[in-house]
């Protein structure tokens, strides 16, 4: 338990340090460019630079949304209004694009977030890092650095360090701070992302409108998917089990005619009929398993995912912390989403290991699928990840993908639900 907490706090401190240095530098740079670009709009130059700068701001904000989801499980919806597909080319198109960006309330919230990220956000990131780094200073002081400050005491918080004894006192204080940092570093980093969510997320009425639009879209997709699935089942039954059962019935009619005239031939045909019935039964079982796996119905989502992992050609580890069971449709959607994610890993990631984590917290079923493959996975039209996103959208769920070139890839899924 101690090693796990230490590892989590150390990772949070490293991420806080990264955000306080790299994230702060990017926020300052984009803020300066945004102010200059907006100021140049009356001169005409800003019409060409503003879309570029604001798109960079949005990419920066989207990256922070991704880190919020993957680092601290903080969901920040994307509130941007879509651009029309018939934007005019040339100068007129640039003017229209700039106008649309400036009319979007999310643009101004992004610009305000840059200011907050440079101040309160940076402070929280620094605190998350300092909680684990500051105790190291006490260790260095006690190890001998105090000699440098023998004539002019160095204050480690409220301890003046000018001797070995005071150096050891600073070390004792550092140990206390270290234990506090192990418990507080991750929550402080989460506060950083919660602060970002207050500005990067949509307003309440915008979020409701987005949910209605998204649920309407996913409902239509779910209806289309259900109709397509019914046609597939009908086709599989017609071409598979039904054809075998018809052939078996014909064979039984022939056997009935031969049973007295040619018992040997009738016996051979009985064996064929038995073989056909076994194949038809196997096909029906496969078909039922594709609709709703028996292990999912009998044992629940955790064991069903473990059964999936056992069939993978790569080493797989599954961690499950589910104190109860979700409703059947939610479990089915989560199961097939994990199945699709694992299939993508096997097909495209060239991974050696994959880890699946399932847990429930704050009214959310959270699932992450992480592999050590080559990365580069994106959510795009026609990809398996797009199918997962549509499947989760039916239940107001979300999908986040972190997959830099060279890996690792982390696919995070969230579905709001209650457990029985």
Protein backbone atom coordinates (compact mmCIF):
# COMPACT_ATOMS: atom_id res chain seq x y z
CA UNK A 1 0.00 0.00 0.00
CA UNK A 2 2.83 2.40 0.90
CA UNK A 3 4.65 1.77 -2.38
CA UNK A 4 1.45 2.29 -4.36
CA UNK A 5 0.70 5.58 -2.59
CA UNK A 6 4.30 6.71 -3.04
CA UNK A 7 4.22 5.88 -6.73
CA UNK A 8 0.92 7.73 -7.22
CA UNK A 9 2.15 10.80 -5.34
CA UNK A 10 5.44 10.82 -7.25
CA UNK A 11 3.62 10.63 -10.58
CA UNK A 12 1.29 13.45 -9.51
CA UNK A 13 4.29 15.56 -8.48
CA UNK A 14 6.00 14.97 -11.83
CA UNK A 15 2.84 15.92 -13.68
CA UNK A 16 2.42 19.01 -11.52
CA UNK A 17 6.00 20.03 -12.31
CA UNK A 18 5.36 19.49 -16.02
CA UNK A 19 2.18 21.58 -15.92
CA UNK A 20 3.86 24.36 -13.94
CA UNK A 21 6.72 24.63 -16.45
CA UNK A 22 5.62 23.51 -19.91
CA UNK A 23 1.89 24.17 -19.46
CA UNK A 24 2.54 27.62 -17.99
CA UNK A 25 4.94 28.54 -20.80
CA UNK A 26 2.42 27.51 -23.47
CA UNK A 27 -0.41 29.39 -21.73
CA UNK A 28 1.65 32.59 -21.49
CA UNK A 29 2.75 32.38 -25.11
CA UNK A 30 -0.75 31.75 -26.44
CA UNK A 31 -2.20 34.49 -24.23
CA UNK A 32 0.24 37.07 -25.62
CA UNK A 33 -0.37 35.98 -29.23
CA UNK A 34 -4.15 36.03 -28.69
CA UNK A 35 -4.12 39.59 -27.30
CA UNK A 36 -1.91 40.84 -30.15
CA UNK A 37 -3.96 39.06 -32.80
CA UNK A 38 -7.26 40.46 -31.48
CA UNK A 39 -5.73 43.95 -31.33
CA UNK A 40 -4.71 43.69 -35.00
CA UNK A 41 -8.20 42.79 -36.24
CA UNK A 42 -9.11 46.46 -36.97
CA UNK A 43 -5.94 46.70 -39.09
CA UNK A 44 -6.97 43.65 -41.13
CA UNK A 45 -3.97 41.53 -40.15
CA UNK A 46 -5.81 39.94 -37.24
CA UNK A 47 -8.41 38.46 -39.59
CA UNK A 48 -5.71 36.10 -40.86
CA UNK A 49 -3.88 35.46 -37.57
CA UNK A 50 -6.82 35.16 -35.16
CA UNK A 51 -8.17 31.84 -36.51
CA UNK A 52 -4.68 30.32 -36.35
CA UNK A 53 -4.05 31.54 -32.80
CA UNK A 54 -7.49 30.55 -31.51
CA UNK A 55 -7.18 27.09 -33.07
CA UNK A 56 -3.87 26.73 -31.21
CA UNK A 57 -5.62 27.80 -28.00
CA UNK A 58 -8.28 25.16 -28.59
CA UNK A 59 -5.68 22.46 -29.17
CA UNK A 60 -3.97 23.49 -25.93
CA UNK A 61 -7.30 23.40 -24.08
CA UNK A 62 -8.19 20.02 -25.60
CA UNK A 63 -4.84 18.64 -24.48
CA UNK A 64 -5.60 19.82 -20.95
CA UNK A 65 -9.02 18.14 -21.18
CA UNK A 66 -7.31 14.89 -22.19
CA UNK A 67 -4.83 15.11 -19.31
CA UNK A 68 -7.69 15.86 -16.92
CA UNK A 69 -9.47 12.67 -17.98
CA UNK A 70 -6.43 10.39 -18.08
CA UNK A 71 -4.47 11.78 -15.10
CA UNK A 72 -7.21 12.65 -12.60
CA UNK A 73 -10.46 11.20 -14.04
CA UNK A 74 -11.93 14.70 -14.40
CA UNK A 75 -14.27 14.89 -17.37
CA UNK A 76 -14.31 18.25 -19.19
CA UNK A 77 -16.76 18.24 -22.13
CA UNK A 78 -15.79 20.04 -25.35
CA UNK A 79 -18.18 23.02 -25.77
CA UNK A 80 -17.14 24.40 -29.18
CA UNK A 81 -19.76 25.16 -31.80
CA UNK A 82 -19.17 23.29 -35.08
CA UNK A 83 -18.20 25.27 -38.18
CA UNK A 84 -20.55 25.18 -41.18
CA UNK A 85 -19.30 23.03 -44.05
CA UNK A 86 -19.84 25.72 -46.69
CA UNK A 87 -17.31 28.32 -45.50
CA UNK A 88 -16.31 30.62 -48.34
CA UNK A 89 -12.71 30.58 -49.57
CA UNK A 90 -10.29 33.49 -49.58
CA UNK A 91 -10.51 36.68 -47.52
CA UNK A 92 -14.28 36.43 -47.14
CA UNK A 93 -13.87 32.96 -45.64
CA UNK A 94 -11.23 34.22 -43.19
CA UNK A 95 -13.54 37.02 -42.06
CA UNK A 96 -16.41 34.55 -41.62
CA UNK A 97 -14.21 32.11 -39.71
CA UNK A 98 -12.93 34.85 -37.41
CA UNK A 99 -16.48 36.07 -36.78
CA UNK A 100 -17.73 32.58 -35.92
CA UNK A 101 -14.85 32.03 -33.51
CA UNK A 102 -15.43 35.34 -31.74
CA UNK A 103 -19.17 34.69 -31.46
CA UNK A 104 -18.59 31.36 -29.75
CA UNK A 105 -18.77 31.85 -25.94
CA UNK A 106 -16.33 28.95 -25.51
CA UNK A 107 -13.61 31.04 -27.21
CA UNK A 108 -13.79 33.72 -24.52
CA UNK A 109 -13.88 31.11 -21.77
CA UNK A 110 -10.70 29.59 -23.26
CA UNK A 111 -8.99 32.99 -23.19
CA UNK A 112 -10.10 33.55 -19.59
CA UNK A 113 -8.85 30.06 -18.71
CA UNK A 114 -5.39 31.00 -20.03
CA UNK A 115 -5.25 33.80 -17.46
CA UNK A 116 -6.43 31.52 -14.66
CA UNK A 117 -4.00 28.78 -15.75
CA UNK A 118 -1.14 31.27 -15.49
CA UNK A 119 -2.11 32.20 -11.93
CA UNK A 120 -4.23 29.96 -9.71
CA UNK A 121 -3.77 26.93 -11.99
CA UNK A 122 0.00 27.33 -11.95
CA UNK A 123 0.00 27.68 -8.15
CA UNK A 124 -1.90 24.41 -7.72
CA UNK A 125 0.46 22.64 -10.14
CA UNK A 126 3.49 23.99 -8.25
CA UNK A 127 2.01 22.91 -4.92
CA UNK A 128 1.36 19.38 -6.27
CA UNK A 129 5.03 19.18 -7.30
CA UNK A 130 6.42 20.95 -4.21
CA UNK A 131 4.68 18.62 -1.76
CA UNK A 132 7.01 15.84 -2.90
CA UNK A 133 10.07 17.88 -3.90
CA UNK A 134 10.38 20.19 -0.88
CA UNK A 135 11.15 17.33 1.57
CA UNK A 136 14.16 16.44 -0.61
CA UNK A 137 15.64 19.83 0.30
CA UNK A 138 15.49 18.88 4.00
CA UNK A 139 17.43 15.70 3.25
CA UNK A 140 20.12 17.65 1.40
CA UNK A 141 20.40 20.19 4.22
CA UNK A 142 20.80 17.46 6.83
CA UNK A 143 23.34 15.64 4.66
CA UNK A 144 25.75 18.59 4.90
CA UNK A 145 24.45 21.57 2.97
CA UNK A 146 23.84 23.31 6.30
CA UNK A 147 27.60 24.09 6.40
CA UNK A 148 27.14 26.63 3.63
CA UNK A 149 24.70 28.56 5.84
CA UNK A 150 26.68 28.30 9.11
CA UNK A 151 27.11 32.08 9.41
CA UNK A 152 23.74 33.04 7.93
CA UNK A 153 20.92 30.59 8.86
CA UNK A 154 18.84 29.15 6.04
CA UNK A 155 15.17 28.95 6.91
CA UNK A 156 13.51 25.65 6.11
CA UNK A 157 9.92 26.72 6.79
CA UNK A 158 10.17 27.81 10.44
CA UNK A 159 13.47 25.97 11.21
CA UNK A 160 16.69 28.08 10.97
CA UNK A 161 19.34 25.67 9.64
CA UNK A 162 22.91 26.58 10.71
CA UNK A 163 24.18 23.36 12.39
CA UNK A 164 23.91 19.61 12.15
CA UNK A 165 21.33 19.60 14.95
CA UNK A 166 19.08 22.11 13.16
CA UNK A 167 19.71 20.21 9.92
CA UNK A 168 18.32 17.08 11.55
CA UNK A 169 15.36 19.12 12.84
CA UNK A 170 14.72 20.24 9.27
CA UNK A 171 14.94 16.60 8.17
CA UNK A 172 12.31 15.63 10.76
CA UNK A 173 10.04 18.38 9.46
CA UNK A 174 10.74 17.17 5.93
CA UNK A 175 9.65 13.64 6.84
CA UNK A 176 6.36 15.01 8.16
CA UNK A 177 5.88 17.04 4.98
CA UNK A 178 6.76 13.99 2.88
CA UNK A 179 4.03 11.89 4.48
CA UNK A 180 1.57 14.74 4.05
CA UNK A 181 2.62 15.11 0.40
CA UNK A 182 1.99 11.42 -0.28
CA UNK A 183 -1.65 11.95 0.68
CA UNK A 184 -2.16 15.42 -0.77
CA UNK A 185 -0.26 15.52 -4.09
CA UNK A 186 -2.88 13.67 -6.11
CA UNK A 187 -5.88 15.62 -4.69
CA UNK A 188 -4.10 18.94 -5.33
CA UNK A 189 -3.42 17.95 -8.95
CA UNK A 190 -7.09 17.03 -9.24
CA UNK A 191 -8.04 20.49 -7.92
CA UNK A 192 -5.98 21.95 -10.76
CA UNK A 193 -8.12 20.14 -13.31
CA UNK A 194 -11.36 20.88 -11.44
CA UNK A 195 -10.44 24.57 -11.61
CA UNK A 196 -9.85 24.22 -15.36
CA UNK A 197 -13.24 22.53 -15.74
CA UNK A 198 -15.05 25.59 -14.37
CA UNK A 199 -13.93 27.52 -17.48
CA UNK A 200 -13.15 24.93 -20.15
CA UNK A 201 -16.44 23.09 -19.68
CA UNK A 202 -19.68 24.33 -21.25
CA UNK A 203 -22.18 26.46 -19.39
CA UNK A 204 -25.08 24.55 -17.84
CA UNK A 205 -27.59 25.39 -20.58
CA UNK A 206 -25.01 24.61 -23.27
CA UNK A 207 -24.25 21.25 -21.67
CA UNK A 208 -27.94 20.38 -21.58
CA UNK A 209 -28.33 21.35 -25.24
CA UNK A 210 -25.28 19.25 -26.16
CA UNK A 211 -26.61 16.26 -24.26
CA UNK A 212 -29.99 16.50 -25.96
CA UNK A 213 -28.33 16.76 -29.38
CA UNK A 214 -25.95 13.94 -28.64
CA UNK A 215 -28.61 11.65 -27.22
CA UNK A 216 -30.82 12.32 -30.25
CA UNK A 217 -27.95 11.44 -32.57
CA UNK A 218 -26.93 8.33 -30.65
CA UNK A 219 -30.57 7.21 -30.42
CA UNK A 220 -30.84 7.25 -34.21
CA UNK A 221 -27.52 5.41 -34.46
CA UNK A 222 -28.67 2.85 -31.88
CA UNK A 223 -31.87 2.23 -33.85
CA UNK A 224 -29.88 1.80 -37.07
CA UNK A 225 -27.37 -0.47 -35.32
CA UNK A 226 -30.18 -2.59 -33.82
CA UNK A 227 -31.83 -2.96 -37.23
CA UNK A 228 -28.51 -3.91 -38.80
CA UNK A 229 -27.85 -6.42 -36.02
CA UNK A 230 -31.28 -8.01 -36.51
CA UNK A 231 -30.58 -8.35 -40.25
CA UNK A 232 -27.22 -9.97 -39.44
CA UNK A 233 -28.83 -12.43 -37.03
CA UNK A 234 -31.51 -13.27 -39.60
CA UNK A 235 -28.86 -13.82 -42.27
CA UNK A 236 -26.70 -15.96 -39.99
CA UNK A 237 -29.69 -18.08 -39.01
CA UNK A 238 -30.84 -18.45 -42.63
CA UNK A 239 -27.43 -19.31 -44.04
CA UNK A 240 -26.15 -21.31 -41.09
CA UNK A 241 -28.22 -23.16 -38.54
CA UNK A 242 -31.46 -23.08 -40.57
CA UNK A 243 -29.76 -24.57 -43.63
CA UNK A 244 -28.22 -27.34 -41.52
CA UNK A 245 -31.55 -28.12 -39.85
CA UNK A 246 -33.28 -28.33 -43.25
CA UNK A 247 -30.58 -30.67 -44.53
CA UNK A 248 -30.86 -32.76 -41.38
CA UNK A 249 -34.65 -33.03 -41.86
CA UNK A 250 -34.16 -34.25 -45.44
CA UNK A 251 -31.58 -36.76 -44.25
CA UNK A 252 -33.99 -38.06 -41.60
CA UNK A 253 -36.67 -38.52 -44.30
CA UNK A 254 -34.20 -40.54 -46.39
CA UNK A 255 -33.20 -42.58 -43.35
CA UNK A 256 -36.85 -43.39 -42.70
CA UNK A 257 -37.12 -44.83 -46.21
CA UNK A 258 -33.83 -46.78 -45.97
CA UNK A 259 -34.03 -48.11 -42.46
CA UNK A 260 -35.56 -51.43 -43.58
CA UNK A 261 -34.14 -51.67 -47.12
CA UNK A 262 -30.52 -50.68 -46.41
CA UNK A 263 -29.77 -50.52 -42.67
CA UNK A 264 -26.04 -49.93 -43.26
CA UNK A 265 -26.66 -46.86 -45.39
CA UNK A 266 -29.27 -45.63 -42.93
CA UNK A 267 -26.73 -45.94 -40.14
CA UNK A 268 -24.21 -43.81 -42.07
CA UNK A 269 -26.82 -41.16 -42.70
CA UNK A 270 -27.77 -41.16 -39.01
CA UNK A 271 -24.14 -40.38 -38.18
CA UNK A 272 -24.21 -37.51 -40.71
CA UNK A 273 -27.44 -36.19 -39.19
CA UNK A 274 -25.94 -36.30 -35.70
CA UNK A 275 -22.86 -34.40 -36.96
CA UNK A 276 -25.09 -31.78 -38.64
CA UNK A 277 -27.10 -31.30 -35.43
CA UNK A 278 -23.87 -30.75 -33.44
CA UNK A 279 -22.65 -28.17 -35.96
CA UNK A 280 -26.01 -26.39 -35.94
CA UNK A 281 -25.93 -26.28 -32.12
CA UNK A 282 -22.39 -24.87 -32.16
CA UNK A 283 -23.44 -22.16 -34.62
CA UNK A 284 -26.44 -21.24 -32.49
CA UNK A 285 -24.21 -21.00 -29.40
CA UNK A 286 -21.78 -18.73 -31.25
CA UNK A 287 -24.67 -16.58 -32.41
CA UNK A 288 -26.10 -16.29 -28.89
CA UNK A 289 -22.64 -15.49 -27.51
CA UNK A 290 -22.34 -12.63 -29.98
CA UNK A 291 -25.70 -11.22 -28.85
CA UNK A 292 -25.17 -11.55 -25.10
CA UNK A 293 -22.31 -13.70 -23.76
CA UNK A 294 -23.54 -16.25 -21.17
CA UNK A 295 -20.62 -15.45 -18.84
CA UNK A 296 -21.75 -11.80 -18.81
CA UNK A 297 -25.28 -12.75 -17.80
CA UNK A 298 -24.16 -15.30 -15.21
CA UNK A 299 -20.99 -13.83 -13.70
CA UNK A 300 -21.10 -10.08 -14.46
CA UNK A 301 -18.88 -7.62 -16.27
CA UNK A 302 -15.67 -8.28 -14.34
CA UNK A 303 -15.55 -12.02 -15.01
CA UNK A 304 -16.70 -11.53 -18.60
CA UNK A 305 -13.77 -9.17 -19.25
CA UNK A 306 -11.41 -11.63 -17.54
CA UNK A 307 -12.68 -14.32 -19.90
CA UNK A 308 -11.98 -11.98 -22.83
CA UNK A 309 -8.44 -11.39 -21.58
CA UNK A 310 -7.74 -15.13 -21.32
CA UNK A 311 -8.39 -15.51 -25.06
CA UNK A 312 -5.95 -12.75 -26.07
CA UNK A 313 -2.68 -13.66 -27.78
CA UNK A 314 -0.82 -11.09 -25.62
CA UNK A 315 -0.18 -10.98 -21.87
CA UNK A 316 -3.17 -9.34 -20.21
CA UNK A 317 -3.94 -8.17 -16.67
CA UNK A 318 -7.43 -7.26 -15.47
CA UNK A 319 -8.16 -5.25 -12.31
CA UNK A 320 -11.79 -5.14 -11.19
CA UNK A 321 -13.21 -3.07 -8.32
CA UNK A 322 -16.97 -3.27 -8.80
CA UNK A 323 -19.00 -3.62 -5.59
CA UNK A 324 -22.14 -4.52 -7.55
CA UNK A 325 -23.60 -4.93 -11.03
CA UNK A 326 -24.88 -2.34 -13.47
CA UNK A 327 -28.04 -2.74 -15.51
CA UNK A 328 -27.89 -5.34 -18.29
CA UNK A 329 -27.78 -2.84 -21.20
CA UNK A 330 -24.92 -0.91 -19.56
CA UNK A 331 -22.96 -4.09 -18.84
CA UNK A 332 -23.47 -5.25 -22.42
CA UNK A 333 -22.32 -1.90 -23.85
CA UNK A 334 -19.26 -1.85 -21.57
CA UNK A 335 -18.39 -5.47 -22.42
CA UNK A 336 -18.50 -4.98 -26.18
CA UNK A 337 -16.65 -1.64 -25.86
CA UNK A 338 -13.81 -3.39 -24.00
CA UNK A 339 -13.91 -6.23 -26.53
CA UNK A 340 -13.53 -3.75 -29.41
CA UNK A 341 -10.70 -1.92 -27.62
CA UNK A 342 -8.83 -5.19 -27.02
CA UNK A 343 -9.40 -6.25 -30.63
CA UNK A 344 -7.88 -2.95 -31.79
CA UNK A 345 -4.90 -3.54 -29.52
CA UNK A 346 -4.25 -7.00 -30.94
CA UNK A 347 -4.72 -5.90 -34.56
CA UNK A 348 -2.92 -2.57 -34.63
CA UNK A 349 -0.84 -1.83 -31.53
CA UNK A 350 1.87 -4.54 -31.79
CA UNK A 351 1.72 -4.63 -27.99
CA UNK A 352 3.27 -7.18 -25.65
CA UNK A 353 1.15 -6.39 -22.60
CA UNK A 354 -2.29 -4.92 -22.00
CA UNK A 355 -3.93 -3.88 -18.76
CA UNK A 356 -7.68 -3.43 -18.21
CA UNK A 357 -8.95 -1.58 -15.15
CA UNK A 358 -12.65 -1.47 -14.19
CA UNK A 359 -13.94 0.47 -11.21
CA UNK A 360 -16.96 2.50 -10.14
CA UNK A 361 -16.72 5.89 -8.47
CA UNK A 362 -18.84 9.03 -8.20
CA UNK A 363 -21.72 7.44 -10.10
CA UNK A 364 -19.48 6.53 -13.04
CA UNK A 365 -18.37 3.16 -14.40
CA UNK A 366 -14.77 3.88 -15.43
CA UNK A 367 -12.82 1.54 -17.69
CA UNK A 368 -9.28 1.98 -18.97
CA UNK A 369 -7.49 -0.22 -21.49
CA UNK A 370 -3.74 0.45 -21.56
CA UNK A 371 -1.16 -1.23 -23.80
CA UNK A 372 2.58 -0.84 -24.38
CA UNK A 373 2.26 -0.80 -28.17
CA UNK A 374 3.40 1.68 -30.78
CA UNK A 375 0.66 4.27 -30.20
CA UNK A 376 -0.83 6.58 -32.81
CA UNK A 377 -4.46 5.55 -32.21
CA UNK A 378 -7.02 8.22 -33.12
CA UNK A 379 -10.78 8.46 -33.05
CA UNK A 380 -11.82 8.85 -36.68
CA UNK A 381 -14.52 7.96 -39.14
CA UNK A 382 -14.72 4.23 -39.67
CA UNK A 383 -12.32 3.30 -36.86
CA UNK A 384 -13.11 0.86 -34.09
CA UNK A 385 -12.73 3.70 -31.58
CA UNK A 386 -15.50 5.61 -33.33
CA UNK A 387 -17.75 2.59 -32.88
CA UNK A 388 -16.91 2.52 -29.16
CA UNK A 389 -17.70 6.23 -28.89
CA UNK A 390 -21.09 5.73 -30.54
CA UNK A 391 -21.86 2.73 -28.34
CA UNK A 392 -21.03 4.67 -25.16
CA UNK A 393 -22.91 7.73 -26.40
CA UNK A 394 -26.16 5.79 -26.27
CA UNK A 395 -25.78 5.80 -22.47
CA UNK A 396 -24.40 9.35 -22.24
CA UNK A 397 -20.92 7.90 -21.84
CA UNK A 398 -17.64 9.38 -23.04
CA UNK A 399 -14.40 8.12 -24.56
CA UNK A 400 -10.92 9.62 -24.15
CA UNK A 401 -7.84 8.37 -26.01
CA UNK A 402 -4.21 9.14 -25.15
CA UNK A 403 -1.91 7.56 -27.74
CA UNK A 404 1.31 9.44 -28.53
CA UNK A 405 3.57 8.09 -31.27
CA UNK A 406 5.64 5.29 -29.77
CA UNK A 407 3.04 4.54 -27.13
CA UNK A 408 1.72 3.76 -24.66
CA UNK A 409 -1.95 3.92 -25.56
CA UNK A 410 -4.65 4.48 -22.94
CA UNK A 411 -8.31 4.25 -23.87
CA UNK A 412 -10.52 5.58 -21.07
CA UNK A 413 -14.29 5.03 -21.03
CA UNK A 414 -16.89 6.43 -18.63
CA UNK A 415 -20.57 5.50 -18.38
CA UNK A 416 -22.84 7.13 -15.79
CA UNK A 417 -24.70 4.38 -13.93
CA UNK A 418 -25.59 3.00 -10.51
CA UNK A 419 -24.58 -0.44 -9.26
CA UNK A 420 -27.04 -2.82 -7.66
